[in-house]
Amino acid sequence: MSPSLIGDTYAKDLSTLPSFHGGSFVSNTLYFLIPDDVIVCKLTETTYDGADFDHIAAVEEVGFHSVDFIASYIDELRDDGKDDDEIVRQILDLGMIDETRSITIARFAYDNFSFLLRDGVVAEGKQIRGAFVTPQKAGEGLAGQVYRQLTLLHSHLACDNSQTPFGAVLWAVTVRNVVGRVDTYNVAQQSYVEELGPGAVGVRGCVPWDIGKLNPASLGKWASYPFSGTIHHCYYLVLIISA
C-alpha cells in the first residue's frame, strides 16, 4: 500500500472466521508450495454475502500420511528441475493427504476492487483488507506467496488503505521480488501514478508512503526506507500488482 503508516494498534482480527448475515460459498481452491521449503499449502477462498469482507482466503499447511516421504520427494523433484507448480501436481497425485493433520496458518480478507488501467479501461480485481498469519509462520515468505497466488487468480491485487511498517516493507520489497511489477494508483483521482521502483520509491521519484501519526521510533523495519515529507496523507494511494 501507499498510505500513512500505522502502528501496532492496527487490528483486523482474522484469527477466526467472521460472523455474517447472508450466505457464503467456496469460490476457489488452490495448492502451492512455500518457496525453498517442503510445506504444501492449501488456499480456500470463501465468498460472503452480508459480511465485513467480500472474501476470506484461509490458508492451511497440508498434512500428509508420511511427512518424511513427502519432504524427500519434494526435494527429489526439485533436484530433477521441476518447478513448484509441477511439484504440487505430482504430490497431490499421490493421494496421501491426511486432513486430520492439516492446520490453518493464515487468513487474508479482501474486497472487490475496481480501477482504471492506464488506457482508461475499467479493470476488476481484489483489495486486501486485512491479514492474519500465525506467529509460527511469520517471516517465512508465506504472505508474499499468497499475494502471488491471489494475483494469478484474480488478475489484479491492491493493497489495503492501512498498513503497519511490516506490511509496507512486504509490499515495497517482498511483493516486488515475488510477484513482479507494482504500480501506484490514485484512488481519489482514479488515475495511474507510476511504477514503484527499488527502495520504496517510484521510478520517477514519487515517495508514496508517509508516517502519519506514527512515532518515528516505532518505524521498525521501515526505518531504512523513505517516507513523504510533502504528502502528509497518502491514504488515497494504493499499490496494485497484476498478473
Protein backbone atom coordinates (compact mmCIF):
# COMPACT_ATOMS: atom_id res chain seq x y z
CA MET A 1 0.00 0.00 0.00
CA SER A 2 0.97 3.65 -0.03
CA PRO A 3 -0.94 5.42 2.72
CA SER A 4 0.09 6.68 6.12
CA LEU A 5 1.83 4.05 8.20
CA ILE A 6 0.17 2.94 11.41
CA GLY A 7 1.46 1.15 14.46
CA ASP A 8 0.55 -1.92 16.44
CA THR A 9 -2.94 -0.56 17.17
CA TYR A 10 -3.88 -1.78 13.66
CA ALA A 11 -6.37 -4.53 14.44
CA LYS A 12 -8.35 -6.63 11.99
CA ASP A 13 -8.78 -9.90 13.81
CA LEU A 14 -8.82 -12.70 11.27
CA SER A 15 -7.78 -15.40 13.69
CA THR A 16 -11.35 -16.68 13.44
CA LEU A 17 -13.88 -16.58 10.62
CA PRO A 18 -16.24 -13.56 10.50
CA SER A 19 -19.86 -13.53 11.54
CA PHE A 20 -22.22 -12.70 8.69
CA HIS A 21 -25.93 -12.45 7.98
CA GLY A 22 -26.04 -13.65 4.37
CA GLY A 23 -24.84 -16.76 2.60
CA SER A 24 -21.39 -17.97 1.62
CA PHE A 25 -19.79 -20.40 -0.79
CA VAL A 26 -16.31 -21.70 -1.59
CA SER A 27 -15.32 -19.77 -4.72
CA ASN A 28 -11.78 -21.05 -5.30
CA THR A 29 -9.38 -23.70 -4.00
CA LEU A 30 -5.73 -23.99 -4.92
CA TYR A 31 -2.49 -25.53 -3.66
CA PHE A 32 1.03 -24.09 -3.64
CA LEU A 33 4.46 -24.58 -2.12
CA ILE A 34 6.21 -22.15 0.18
CA PRO A 35 9.39 -21.27 -1.77
CA ASP A 36 12.57 -23.04 -0.68
CA ASP A 37 10.57 -25.20 1.72
CA VAL A 38 8.76 -28.54 1.65
CA ILE A 39 5.47 -27.18 3.01
CA VAL A 40 2.44 -27.61 0.76
CA CYS A 41 -0.31 -25.08 1.40
CA LYS A 42 -3.98 -25.15 0.53
CA LEU A 43 -5.78 -21.85 -0.07
CA THR A 44 -9.56 -21.95 0.22
CA GLU A 45 -11.35 -18.78 -0.83
CA THR A 46 -14.84 -18.24 0.57
CA THR A 47 -17.11 -15.53 -0.82
CA TYR A 48 -19.55 -13.95 1.64
CA ASP A 49 -22.80 -12.02 1.42
CA GLY A 50 -23.50 -9.56 4.20
CA ALA A 51 -20.13 -9.92 5.94
CA ASP A 52 -17.46 -7.37 6.79
CA PHE A 53 -15.41 -8.59 3.80
CA ASP A 54 -16.33 -9.89 0.35
CA HIS A 55 -13.85 -12.78 0.54
CA ILE A 56 -11.66 -14.58 3.03
CA ALA A 57 -8.86 -16.91 1.99
CA ALA A 58 -7.99 -19.48 4.64
CA VAL A 59 -4.52 -20.98 4.20
CA GLU A 60 -3.75 -24.42 5.59
CA GLU A 61 -0.47 -26.27 5.94
CA VAL A 62 -1.42 -29.56 4.32
CA GLY A 63 -0.89 -32.70 6.39
CA PHE A 64 0.27 -35.99 4.89
CA HIS A 65 0.26 -39.62 5.98
CA SER A 66 4.05 -39.79 5.60
CA VAL A 67 5.59 -36.37 6.17
CA ASP A 68 9.19 -37.51 5.77
CA PHE A 69 8.44 -39.23 2.46
CA ILE A 70 6.67 -36.14 1.10
CA ALA A 71 9.54 -33.87 2.14
CA SER A 72 12.11 -36.16 0.50
CA TYR A 73 10.02 -36.46 -2.65
CA ILE A 74 9.70 -32.67 -2.95
CA ASP A 75 13.48 -32.32 -2.64
CA GLU A 76 13.95 -35.03 -5.27
CA LEU A 77 11.56 -33.33 -7.70
CA ARG A 78 13.35 -30.02 -7.21
CA ASP A 79 16.69 -31.72 -7.90
CA ASP A 80 15.14 -33.01 -11.14
CA GLY A 81 14.42 -29.43 -12.18
CA LYS A 82 10.66 -29.47 -11.67
CA ASP A 83 9.05 -26.11 -10.95
CA ASP A 84 6.88 -25.68 -7.86
CA ASP A 85 3.59 -25.91 -9.76
CA GLU A 86 4.55 -29.25 -11.27
CA ILE A 87 5.80 -30.49 -7.89
CA VAL A 88 2.46 -29.68 -6.29
CA ARG A 89 0.61 -31.54 -9.05
CA GLN A 90 2.73 -34.64 -8.56
CA ILE A 91 2.41 -34.52 -4.77
CA LEU A 92 -1.39 -34.27 -4.96
CA ASP A 93 -1.49 -37.16 -7.42
CA LEU A 94 -0.05 -39.41 -4.70
CA GLY A 95 -3.32 -39.19 -2.77
CA MET A 96 -1.52 -39.06 0.58
CA ILE A 97 -3.21 -36.01 2.16
CA ASP A 98 -4.26 -36.55 5.77
CA GLU A 99 -6.81 -33.81 6.54
CA THR A 100 -6.66 -34.57 10.26
CA ARG A 101 -3.09 -33.25 10.24
CA SER A 102 -3.79 -30.08 8.24
CA ILE A 103 -3.74 -26.85 10.26
CA THR A 104 -4.84 -23.29 9.43
CA ILE A 105 -1.82 -20.99 9.39
CA ALA A 106 -3.19 -17.77 7.87
CA ARG A 107 -6.27 -15.88 6.75
CA PHE A 108 -6.47 -12.99 4.30
CA ALA A 109 -9.54 -10.78 3.85
CA TYR A 110 -10.18 -8.85 0.65
CA ASP A 111 -12.93 -6.94 -1.14
CA ASN A 112 -13.89 -6.40 -4.74
CA PHE A 113 -11.93 -3.51 -6.28
CA SER A 114 -12.45 -1.53 -9.49
CA PHE A 115 -9.93 0.84 -11.02
CA LEU A 116 -8.89 2.32 -14.36
CA LEU A 117 -6.00 0.98 -16.37
CA ARG A 118 -3.63 3.48 -17.99
CA ASP A 119 -5.69 3.34 -21.19
CA GLY A 120 -8.88 4.22 -19.29
CA VAL A 121 -10.40 0.74 -19.40
CA VAL A 122 -12.15 -0.34 -16.20
CA ALA A 123 -10.46 -3.32 -14.53
CA GLU A 124 -11.71 -5.54 -11.73
CA GLY A 125 -9.55 -7.05 -9.02
CA LYS A 126 -9.38 -7.52 -5.27
CA GLN A 127 -8.13 -5.26 -2.48
CA ILE A 128 -6.51 -6.66 0.65
CA ARG A 129 -8.38 -5.53 3.77
CA GLY A 130 -6.59 -7.48 6.45
CA ALA A 131 -4.19 -10.34 7.12
CA PHE A 132 -3.50 -12.83 9.89
CA VAL A 133 -0.50 -15.17 9.89
CA THR A 134 0.23 -17.41 12.86
CA PRO A 135 3.34 -16.27 14.72
CA GLN A 136 5.00 -19.62 13.94
CA LYS A 137 4.81 -18.88 10.19
CA ALA A 138 5.56 -15.15 10.23
CA GLY A 139 8.63 -14.15 8.26
CA GLU A 140 8.73 -17.34 6.16
CA GLY A 141 7.58 -15.78 2.89
CA LEU A 142 4.01 -17.03 3.23
CA ALA A 143 2.26 -13.66 2.74
CA GLY A 144 4.20 -12.85 -0.42
CA GLN A 145 3.38 -16.24 -1.90
CA VAL A 146 -0.31 -15.86 -1.02
CA TYR A 147 -0.37 -12.47 -2.75
CA ARG A 148 1.20 -14.09 -5.80
CA GLN A 149 -1.49 -16.76 -5.86
CA LEU A 150 -4.29 -14.22 -5.44
CA THR A 151 -2.86 -12.11 -8.26
CA LEU A 152 -2.76 -15.11 -10.58
CA LEU A 153 -6.30 -15.99 -9.53
CA HIS A 154 -7.88 -12.53 -9.85
CA SER A 155 -5.51 -10.73 -12.27
CA HIS A 156 -5.15 -7.61 -10.10
CA LEU A 157 -4.49 -7.23 -6.37
CA ALA A 158 -4.37 -3.92 -4.48
CA CYS A 159 -3.02 -3.28 -1.02
CA ASP A 160 -5.04 -2.13 1.97
CA ASN A 161 -5.53 1.56 2.79
CA SER A 162 -3.88 0.99 6.17
CA GLN A 163 -0.54 -0.69 6.83
CA THR A 164 1.88 -1.39 9.60
CA PRO A 165 5.59 -0.84 8.85
CA PHE A 166 5.88 -4.61 8.36
CA GLY A 167 3.08 -4.55 5.77
CA ALA A 168 4.69 -1.63 3.97
CA VAL A 169 8.00 -3.48 3.68
CA LEU A 170 6.12 -6.52 2.42
CA TRP A 171 4.70 -4.52 -0.50
CA ALA A 172 7.76 -2.38 -1.14
CA VAL A 173 10.24 -5.27 -1.19
CA THR A 174 8.83 -8.80 -0.98
CA VAL A 175 5.88 -8.33 -3.34
CA ARG A 176 8.13 -6.73 -5.98
CA ASN A 177 10.54 -9.66 -5.72
CA VAL A 178 7.95 -12.46 -5.61
CA VAL A 179 5.14 -11.19 -7.82
CA GLY A 180 6.73 -8.60 -10.06
CA ARG A 181 5.75 -5.11 -11.13
CA VAL A 182 3.99 -2.92 -8.57
CA ASP A 183 2.14 0.23 -9.68
CA THR A 184 0.98 3.19 -7.61
CA TYR A 185 -2.62 4.29 -8.19
CA ASN A 186 -4.50 7.39 -7.02
CA VAL A 187 -7.96 6.25 -5.91
CA ALA A 188 -9.28 9.79 -5.38
CA GLN A 189 -8.42 10.85 -8.94
CA GLN A 190 -8.88 7.37 -10.45
CA SER A 191 -5.54 7.68 -12.19
CA TYR A 192 -2.27 5.80 -12.60
CA VAL A 193 0.71 7.45 -10.89
CA GLU A 194 3.84 5.45 -11.69
CA GLU A 195 5.61 2.14 -11.21
CA LEU A 196 7.16 1.51 -7.81
CA GLY A 197 10.92 1.11 -8.10
CA PRO A 198 13.51 -0.25 -5.67
CA GLY A 199 13.92 1.30 -2.25
CA ALA A 200 10.19 2.11 -1.87
CA VAL A 201 10.42 4.99 -4.36
CA GLY A 202 8.60 5.40 -7.66
CA VAL A 203 10.60 5.18 -10.87
CA ARG A 204 10.08 8.93 -11.36
CA GLY A 205 10.76 9.78 -7.73
CA CYS A 206 7.34 9.57 -6.07
CA VAL A 207 7.62 8.62 -2.40
CA PRO A 208 4.13 7.24 -1.74
CA TRP A 209 4.36 6.47 1.97
CA ASP A 210 4.12 8.85 4.91
CA ILE A 211 4.28 8.02 8.59
CA GLY A 212 1.06 9.78 9.55
CA LYS A 213 0.84 9.95 13.35
CA LEU A 214 3.25 7.08 13.87
CA ASN A 215 6.14 7.82 16.21
CA PRO A 216 9.38 7.68 14.18
CA ALA A 217 10.81 5.49 16.96
CA SER A 218 8.20 2.87 16.05
CA LEU A 219 9.14 2.55 12.37
CA GLY A 220 10.86 -0.79 12.89
CA LYS A 221 11.70 -2.37 9.53
CA TRP A 222 10.63 0.81 7.75
CA ALA A 223 13.39 2.89 9.38
CA SER A 224 15.70 2.36 6.39
CA TYR A 225 13.07 3.42 3.82
CA PRO A 226 11.89 6.92 2.90
CA PHE A 227 8.54 8.50 3.58
CA SER A 228 6.99 11.57 2.03
CA GLY A 229 7.75 14.95 3.55
CA THR A 230 5.32 16.75 1.26
CA ILE A 231 2.36 14.37 1.07
CA HIS A 232 1.08 14.03 4.61
CA HIS A 233 -1.92 11.86 3.86
CA CYS A 234 -1.21 9.12 1.33
CA TYR A 235 -4.41 7.26 2.21
CA TYR A 236 -5.76 7.79 -1.30
CA LEU A 237 -2.81 5.95 -2.85
CA VAL A 238 -2.72 2.17 -3.22
CA LEU A 239 -0.30 -0.25 -4.79
CA ILE A 240 -1.54 -2.68 -7.42
CA ILE A 241 0.07 -5.84 -8.75
CA SER A 242 -1.16 -7.50 -11.93
CA ALA A 243 -0.78 -10.94 -13.44
